[in-house]
Structure formats: structure tokens, C-alpha cells
Amino acid sequence: MSTTEAESKAEAIAESRRAFLRRGGVVSLSAVALGLVACAPGWAAKATPEQSMSPDDDVKILNVALGLEYEAIAAYQVGAESGLLTKPVLNVAVKFQSQHRAHAGVLSSTISKLGGTAVEAKSADTYGFPTGSLHNQADVLRFAAGLEKGAASAYLGAVPQFHNRDLAKAAASILGDETMHWAILRNALGEDPVPNAFIA
């Protein structure tokens, strides 16, 4: 599979993450709204995404985020077991995976504290990862970078929707971590680590 095809697959997985976020009972910011915010930052206060109306809605958002973290953990496991990563890159991948595990732990415990039931992790083969197209380290990095960008976009859509503003702050903190992952992976690929002034 070519680099372009691998990038397309990573973007398709990122889009599936965003679609998963919408299916979780959450209406995320539309691409148009995000584009308006990105083009005109001063208008950000006027953007009014649908906000959750109760702690139960917050639990739904948290469970969707938890599902996405489980997906990221599984994806990094695929990369780690691929045999395609050099030792320094493998160390970074394992570190990023451990950070996703930390996110998942906090999300799961928060769901329990709010009286909800946390979703369970799925088996790696249910995610449809493009394992057949991972032929070298760059393929693995590009795949991971696409997932991290998708995660950042998903958290960006979720942050303004929380009823509990402390949860919004915590989600924004995770968003920052996902964005750093994305930038580091792009840098490892020899690409501009911060290609735009805004995440869309």
C-alpha cells in the first residue's frame, strides 16, 4: 500500500473516531463551525455547540472518550508488535501508549464516581487497523499520527459539551497531550510538526 493509501486509511479511522463520538449521543462541532472558529478566532465566543444538560450526558461523553482511548492503546500495541520500529521510536510509542492508559484510567474512574458504568475495551481486531499496509517505520508513524490527530479533533469537539466544567478542563488537558503526540510523530516523519495555527 502506498503512503497516500496509508494516509487515507488513517484519515478514515480518524473520521470513524469522530463518527463514534457523534454516535455516543453527543453532537460534536461541525467541520463548518470549526472552520469558522479557526478562520476567525474572535468569533469563538459566539459559537454555541450543543452542551450536555446533565451529569448523565457527561457520562455518555466520557464513555465515548474512554472507547477512543482503548482504541489508541490497541493501535500502539499493533505498532509495538509490528517489529518495524527502531528502539528509540518503540520507546516513544510505548510511552504514548502508557499515557493513553493513564487517560483511560482517569476516564474510567471518573465515570464510576459519577455513578455510570464504564465501557469495556474491545479486542484489537475489531478496530479494522490497516495492519496489512504497515511495511516500514514511516507507515506505522503515519498511522499513529493520523489517529492522534483524530483524537485531538474528537476532544476538541467534546470539551465545550460538558455540563460539568471541571470535566471540560480535564478533557482539554487530554486534548493537549494528544496534540503533542501528533506533533512529535509528524516531526519523526520529517514533517512540519505544527502545520497549522488551529486544529480542525
C-alpha atoms as a PDB file:
ATOM      1  CA  MET A   1       0.000   0.000   0.000  1.00  0.00           C
ATOM      2  CA  SER A   2       1.343   3.428  -0.903  1.00  0.00           C
ATOM      3  CA  THR A   3       1.990   6.274   1.524  1.00  0.00           C
ATOM      4  CA  THR A   4      -1.084   8.077   0.168  1.00  0.00           C
ATOM      5  CA  GLU A   5      -3.247   5.000   0.726  1.00  0.00           C
ATOM      6  CA  ALA A   6      -1.901   4.624   4.291  1.00  0.00           C
ATOM      7  CA  GLU A   7      -2.675   8.291   4.963  1.00  0.00           C
ATOM      8  CA  SER A   8      -6.185   7.805   3.535  1.00  0.00           C
ATOM      9  CA  LYS A   9      -6.735   4.803   5.808  1.00  0.00           C
ATOM     10  CA  ALA A  10      -5.504   6.755   8.839  1.00  0.00           C
ATOM     11  CA  GLU A  11      -7.856   9.627   7.932  1.00  0.00           C
ATOM     12  CA  ALA A  12     -10.732   7.152   7.529  1.00  0.00           C
ATOM     13  CA  ILE A  13     -10.011   5.777  11.004  1.00  0.00           C
ATOM     14  CA  ALA A  14      -9.834   9.327  12.385  1.00  0.00           C
ATOM     15  CA  GLU A  15     -13.208  10.051  10.780  1.00  0.00           C
ATOM     16  CA  SER A  16     -14.621   6.863  12.290  1.00  0.00           C
ATOM     17  CA  ARG A  17     -13.469   8.129  15.705  1.00  0.00           C
ATOM     18  CA  ARG A  18     -15.312  11.400  15.114  1.00  0.00           C
ATOM     19  CA  ALA A  19     -18.388   9.477  13.929  1.00  0.00           C
ATOM     20  CA  PHE A  20     -18.147   7.287  17.029  1.00  0.00           C
ATOM     21  CA  LEU A  21     -18.150  10.419  19.152  1.00  0.00           C
ATOM     22  CA  ARG A  22     -21.338  11.583  17.424  1.00  0.00           C
ATOM     23  CA  ARG A  23     -22.993   8.155  17.846  1.00  0.00           C
ATOM     24  CA  GLY A  24     -22.361   8.286  21.587  1.00  0.00           C
ATOM     25  CA  GLY A  25     -25.302  10.649  21.953  1.00  0.00           C
ATOM     26  CA  VAL A  26     -23.117  13.711  21.518  1.00  0.00           C
ATOM     27  CA  VAL A  27     -23.490  16.297  18.779  1.00  0.00           C
ATOM     28  CA  SER A  28     -19.942  17.420  18.023  1.00  0.00           C
ATOM     29  CA  LEU A  29     -18.906  20.701  16.490  1.00  0.00           C
ATOM     30  CA  SER A  30     -19.407  20.558  12.760  1.00  0.00           C
ATOM     31  CA  ALA A  31     -16.479  20.976  10.416  1.00  0.00           C
ATOM     32  CA  VAL A  32     -18.023  24.253   9.290  1.00  0.00           C
ATOM     33  CA  ALA A  33     -18.169  25.590  12.854  1.00  0.00           C
ATOM     34  CA  LEU A  34     -14.596  24.527  13.461  1.00  0.00           C
ATOM     35  CA  GLY A  35     -13.579  26.222  10.235  1.00  0.00           C
ATOM     36  CA  LEU A  36     -15.260  29.443  11.330  1.00  0.00           C
ATOM     37  CA  VAL A  37     -13.515  29.339  14.694  1.00  0.00           C
ATOM     38  CA  ALA A  38     -10.192  28.649  13.003  1.00  0.00           C
ATOM     39  CA  CYS A  39     -10.651  31.451  10.481  1.00  0.00           C
ATOM     40  CA  ALA A  40     -11.989  33.967  12.950  1.00  0.00           C
ATOM     41  CA  PRO A  41     -10.765  33.254  16.497  1.00  0.00           C
ATOM     42  CA  GLY A  42     -12.552  36.342  17.829  1.00  0.00           C
ATOM     43  CA  TRP A  43     -15.851  34.691  16.980  1.00  0.00           C
ATOM     44  CA  ALA A  44     -15.155  31.686  19.202  1.00  0.00           C
ATOM     45  CA  ALA A  45     -17.350  33.070  21.990  1.00  0.00           C
ATOM     46  CA  LYS A  46     -20.280  33.252  19.564  1.00  0.00           C
ATOM     47  CA  ALA A  47     -20.015  29.571  18.616  1.00  0.00           C
ATOM     48  CA  THR A  48     -22.623  27.670  20.627  1.00  0.00           C
ATOM     49  CA  PRO A  49     -22.158  23.912  20.286  1.00  0.00           C
ATOM     50  CA  GLU A  50     -24.864  21.805  21.880  1.00  0.00           C
ATOM     51  CA  GLN A  51     -23.907  21.417  25.529  1.00  0.00           C
ATOM     52  CA  SER A  52     -24.861  18.410  27.604  1.00  0.00           C
ATOM     53  CA  MET A  53     -27.662  19.137  30.007  1.00  0.00           C
ATOM     54  CA  SER A  54     -26.923  16.710  32.833  1.00  0.00           C
ATOM     55  CA  PRO A  55     -24.314  14.565  34.539  1.00  0.00           C
ATOM     56  CA  ASP A  56     -25.786  11.584  32.643  1.00  0.00           C
ATOM     57  CA  ASP A  57     -24.871  13.283  29.373  1.00  0.00           C
ATOM     58  CA  ASP A  58     -21.363  13.859  30.732  1.00  0.00           C
ATOM     59  CA  VAL A  59     -21.061  10.129  31.446  1.00  0.00           C
ATOM     60  CA  LYS A  60     -22.010   9.394  27.826  1.00  0.00           C
ATOM     61  CA  ILE A  61     -19.322  11.767  26.563  1.00  0.00           C
ATOM     62  CA  LEU A  62     -16.756  10.267  28.942  1.00  0.00           C
ATOM     63  CA  ASN A  63     -17.623   6.743  27.805  1.00  0.00           C
ATOM     64  CA  VAL A  64     -17.119   7.688  24.166  1.00  0.00           C
ATOM     65  CA  ALA A  65     -13.762   9.233  25.074  1.00  0.00           C
ATOM     66  CA  LEU A  66     -12.861   6.078  27.027  1.00  0.00           C
ATOM     67  CA  GLY A  67     -13.668   3.959  23.981  1.00  0.00           C
ATOM     68  CA  LEU A  68     -11.357   6.120  21.884  1.00  0.00           C
ATOM     69  CA  GLU A  69      -8.565   5.762  24.439  1.00  0.00           C
ATOM     70  CA  TYR A  70      -8.942   1.983  24.344  1.00  0.00           C
ATOM     71  CA  GLU A  71      -8.654   2.170  20.558  1.00  0.00           C
ATOM     72  CA  ALA A  72      -5.435   4.204  20.861  1.00  0.00           C
ATOM     73  CA  ILE A  73      -3.975   1.688  23.342  1.00  0.00           C
ATOM     74  CA  ALA A  74      -4.739  -1.141  20.907  1.00  0.00           C
ATOM     75  CA  ALA A  75      -3.261   0.810  17.974  1.00  0.00           C
ATOM     76  CA  TYR A  76       0.015   1.429  19.783  1.00  0.00           C
ATOM     77  CA  GLN A  77       0.142  -2.269  20.668  1.00  0.00           C
ATOM     78  CA  VAL A  78      -0.131  -3.087  16.960  1.00  0.00           C
ATOM     79  CA  GLY A  79       2.719  -0.665  16.239  1.00  0.00           C
ATOM     80  CA  ALA A  80       4.866  -2.014  19.069  1.00  0.00           C
ATOM     81  CA  GLU A  81       4.386  -5.613  17.953  1.00  0.00           C
ATOM     82  CA  SER A  82       4.954  -4.855  14.269  1.00  0.00           C
ATOM     83  CA  GLY A  83       8.720  -5.267  14.530  1.00  0.00           C
ATOM     84  CA  LEU A  84       9.086  -2.203  12.306  1.00  0.00           C
ATOM     85  CA  LEU A  85      10.104   0.351  14.934  1.00  0.00           C
ATOM     86  CA  THR A  86      13.671   1.143  15.932  1.00  0.00           C
ATOM     87  CA  LYS A  87      14.377   1.003  19.656  1.00  0.00           C
ATOM     88  CA  PRO A  88      14.164   4.801  20.269  1.00  0.00           C
ATOM     89  CA  VAL A  89      10.892   5.076  18.318  1.00  0.00           C
ATOM     90  CA  LEU A  90       9.495   1.983  20.034  1.00  0.00           C
ATOM     91  CA  ASN A  91      10.273   3.600  23.402  1.00  0.00           C
ATOM     92  CA  VAL A  92       8.288   6.689  22.402  1.00  0.00           C
ATOM     93  CA  ALA A  93       5.384   4.568  21.146  1.00  0.00           C
ATOM     94  CA  VAL A  94       5.281   2.622  24.416  1.00  0.00           C
ATOM     95  CA  LYS A  95       5.363   5.900  26.365  1.00  0.00           C
ATOM     96  CA  PHE A  96       2.462   7.299  24.316  1.00  0.00           C
ATOM     97  CA  GLN A  97       0.553   4.061  24.893  1.00  0.00           C
ATOM     98  CA  SER A  98       1.130   4.395  28.651  1.00  0.00           C
ATOM     99  CA  GLN A  99      -0.241   7.938  28.523  1.00  0.00           C
ATOM    100  CA  HIS A 100      -3.366   6.655  26.760  1.00  0.00           C
ATOM    101  CA  ARG A 101      -3.651   4.042  29.510  1.00  0.00           C
ATOM    102  CA  ALA A 102      -3.459   6.858  32.072  1.00  0.00           C
ATOM    103  CA  HIS A 103      -6.202   8.756  30.211  1.00  0.00           C
ATOM    104  CA  ALA A 104      -8.337   5.598  30.177  1.00  0.00           C
ATOM    105  CA  GLY A 105      -7.788   5.038  33.896  1.00  0.00           C
ATOM    106  CA  VAL A 106      -8.864   8.564  34.790  1.00  0.00           C
ATOM    107  CA  LEU A 107     -11.884   8.440  32.466  1.00  0.00           C
ATOM    108  CA  SER A 108     -12.995   5.062  33.829  1.00  0.00           C
ATOM    109  CA  SER A 109     -12.692   6.108  37.472  1.00  0.00           C
ATOM    110  CA  THR A 110     -14.478   9.400  36.770  1.00  0.00           C
ATOM    111  CA  ILE A 111     -17.362   7.541  35.112  1.00  0.00           C
ATOM    112  CA  SER A 112     -17.642   5.318  38.201  1.00  0.00           C
ATOM    113  CA  LYS A 113     -17.570   8.325  40.542  1.00  0.00           C
ATOM    114  CA  LEU A 114     -20.426   9.857  38.535  1.00  0.00           C
ATOM    115  CA  GLY A 115     -22.470   6.666  39.001  1.00  0.00           C
ATOM    116  CA  GLY A 116     -22.010   5.406  35.452  1.00  0.00           C
ATOM    117  CA  THR A 117     -20.738   2.155  34.040  1.00  0.00           C
ATOM    118  CA  ALA A 118     -17.528   2.390  32.042  1.00  0.00           C
ATOM    119  CA  VAL A 119     -17.385   0.769  28.612  1.00  0.00           C
ATOM    120  CA  GLU A 120     -15.076  -2.208  28.209  1.00  0.00           C
ATOM    121  CA  ALA A 121     -12.055  -2.395  25.931  1.00  0.00           C
ATOM    122  CA  LYS A 122     -12.584  -4.262  22.641  1.00  0.00           C
ATOM    123  CA  SER A 123     -10.212  -6.731  21.032  1.00  0.00           C
ATOM    124  CA  ALA A 124      -7.719  -5.119  18.633  1.00  0.00           C
ATOM    125  CA  ASP A 125      -9.081  -6.947  15.580  1.00  0.00           C
ATOM    126  CA  THR A 126     -12.466  -5.188  15.881  1.00  0.00           C
ATOM    127  CA  TYR A 127     -10.969  -1.787  15.023  1.00  0.00           C
ATOM    128  CA  GLY A 128     -10.022  -2.562  11.426  1.00  0.00           C
ATOM    129  CA  PHE A 129      -6.467  -1.265  11.744  1.00  0.00           C
ATOM    130  CA  PRO A 130      -4.545  -1.280   8.436  1.00  0.00           C
ATOM    131  CA  THR A 131      -2.012  -3.873   9.580  1.00  0.00           C
ATOM    132  CA  GLY A 132      -1.523  -5.156   6.043  1.00  0.00           C
ATOM    133  CA  SER A 133      -0.326  -1.736   4.894  1.00  0.00           C
ATOM    134  CA  LEU A 134       2.295  -1.266   7.606  1.00  0.00           C
ATOM    135  CA  HIS A 135       5.534  -2.135   5.815  1.00  0.00           C
ATOM    136  CA  ASN A 136       8.062   0.159   7.499  1.00  0.00           C
ATOM    137  CA  GLN A 137       8.535   2.540  10.399  1.00  0.00           C
ATOM    138  CA  ALA A 138       7.197   5.520   8.447  1.00  0.00           C
ATOM    139  CA  ASP A 139       3.932   3.645   7.755  1.00  0.00           C
ATOM    140  CA  VAL A 140       3.485   2.958  11.475  1.00  0.00           C
ATOM    141  CA  LEU A 141       4.284   6.564  12.409  1.00  0.00           C
ATOM    142  CA  ARG A 142       1.903   7.930   9.770  1.00  0.00           C
ATOM    143  CA  PHE A 143      -0.847   5.609  11.010  1.00  0.00           C
ATOM    144  CA  ALA A 144      -0.286   6.682  14.624  1.00  0.00           C
ATOM    145  CA  ALA A 145      -0.136  10.369  13.663  1.00  0.00           C
ATOM    146  CA  GLY A 146      -3.499  10.086  11.914  1.00  0.00           C
ATOM    147  CA  LEU A 147      -5.047   8.519  14.994  1.00  0.00           C
ATOM    148  CA  GLU A 148      -3.600  11.186  17.275  1.00  0.00           C
ATOM    149  CA  LYS A 149      -4.945  13.944  15.047  1.00  0.00           C
ATOM    150  CA  GLY A 150      -8.346  12.240  15.130  1.00  0.00           C
ATOM    151  CA  ALA A 151      -8.177  12.021  18.925  1.00  0.00           C
ATOM    152  CA  ALA A 152      -7.301  15.708  19.213  1.00  0.00           C
ATOM    153  CA  SER A 153     -10.222  16.618  16.955  1.00  0.00           C
ATOM    154  CA  ALA A 154     -12.594  14.401  18.963  1.00  0.00           C
ATOM    155  CA  TYR A 155     -11.587  16.016  22.264  1.00  0.00           C
ATOM    156  CA  LEU A 156     -11.856  19.453  20.676  1.00  0.00           C
ATOM    157  CA  GLY A 157     -15.467  18.658  19.820  1.00  0.00           C
ATOM    158  CA  ALA A 158     -16.193  17.253  23.286  1.00  0.00           C
ATOM    159  CA  VAL A 159     -14.693  19.979  25.504  1.00  0.00           C
ATOM    160  CA  PRO A 160     -17.461  22.582  25.066  1.00  0.00           C
ATOM    161  CA  GLN A 161     -20.211  19.991  25.515  1.00  0.00           C
ATOM    162  CA  PHE A 162     -19.621  19.056  29.146  1.00  0.00           C
ATOM    163  CA  HIS A 163     -22.206  20.079  31.721  1.00  0.00           C
ATOM    164  CA  ASN A 164     -19.508  19.905  34.408  1.00  0.00           C
ATOM    165  CA  ARG A 165     -16.843  22.474  33.562  1.00  0.00           C
ATOM    166  CA  ASP A 166     -14.200  20.610  35.594  1.00  0.00           C
ATOM    167  CA  LEU A 167     -14.672  17.703  33.181  1.00  0.00           C
ATOM    168  CA  ALA A 168     -14.240  20.105  30.269  1.00  0.00           C
ATOM    169  CA  LYS A 169     -10.958  21.263  31.782  1.00  0.00           C
ATOM    170  CA  ALA A 170      -9.754  17.682  32.209  1.00  0.00           C
ATOM    171  CA  ALA A 171     -10.712  16.843  28.606  1.00  0.00           C
ATOM    172  CA  ALA A 172      -8.820  19.919  27.411  1.00  0.00           C
ATOM    173  CA  SER A 173      -5.758  18.659  29.262  1.00  0.00           C
ATOM    174  CA  ILE A 174      -6.013  15.324  27.435  1.00  0.00           C
ATOM    175  CA  LEU A 175      -6.522  17.242  24.171  1.00  0.00           C
ATOM    176  CA  GLY A 176      -3.195  18.965  24.785  1.00  0.00           C
ATOM    177  CA  ASP A 177      -1.464  15.613  25.257  1.00  0.00           C
ATOM    178  CA  GLU A 178      -2.998  14.157  22.062  1.00  0.00           C
ATOM    179  CA  THR A 179      -1.825  17.219  20.160  1.00  0.00           C
ATOM    180  CA  MET A 180       1.726  16.847  21.481  1.00  0.00           C
ATOM    181  CA  HIS A 181       1.721  13.203  20.388  1.00  0.00           C
ATOM    182  CA  TRP A 182       0.606  14.232  16.906  1.00  0.00           C
ATOM    183  CA  ALA A 183       3.312  16.909  16.636  1.00  0.00           C
ATOM    184  CA  ILE A 184       6.072  14.556  17.805  1.00  0.00           C
ATOM    185  CA  LEU A 185       5.004  11.843  15.351  1.00  0.00           C
ATOM    186  CA  ARG A 186       4.937  14.342  12.485  1.00  0.00           C
ATOM    187  CA  ASN A 187       8.404  15.539  13.466  1.00  0.00           C
ATOM    188  CA  ALA A 188       9.674  11.937  13.497  1.00  0.00           C
ATOM    189  CA  LEU A 189       8.358  11.621   9.933  1.00  0.00           C
ATOM    190  CA  GLY A 190      10.345  14.697   8.918  1.00  0.00           C
ATOM    191  CA  GLU A 191       7.134  16.710   8.500  1.00  0.00           C
ATOM    192  CA  ASP A 192       6.265  20.104   9.927  1.00  0.00           C
ATOM    193  CA  PRO A 193       5.206  19.258  13.498  1.00  0.00           C
ATOM    194  CA  VAL A 194       2.799  22.186  13.697  1.00  0.00           C
ATOM    195  CA  PRO A 195       1.421  22.637  10.169  1.00  0.00           C
ATOM    196  CA  ASN A 196      -1.434  24.968  11.120  1.00  0.00           C
ATOM    197  CA  ALA A 197      -2.301  27.560  13.725  1.00  0.00           C
ATOM    198  CA  PHE A 198      -5.539  25.725  14.595  1.00  0.00           C
ATOM    199  CA  ILE A 199      -6.732  22.123  14.887  1.00  0.00           C
ATOM    200  CA  ALA A 200      -9.732  21.287  12.740  1.00  0.00           C
END
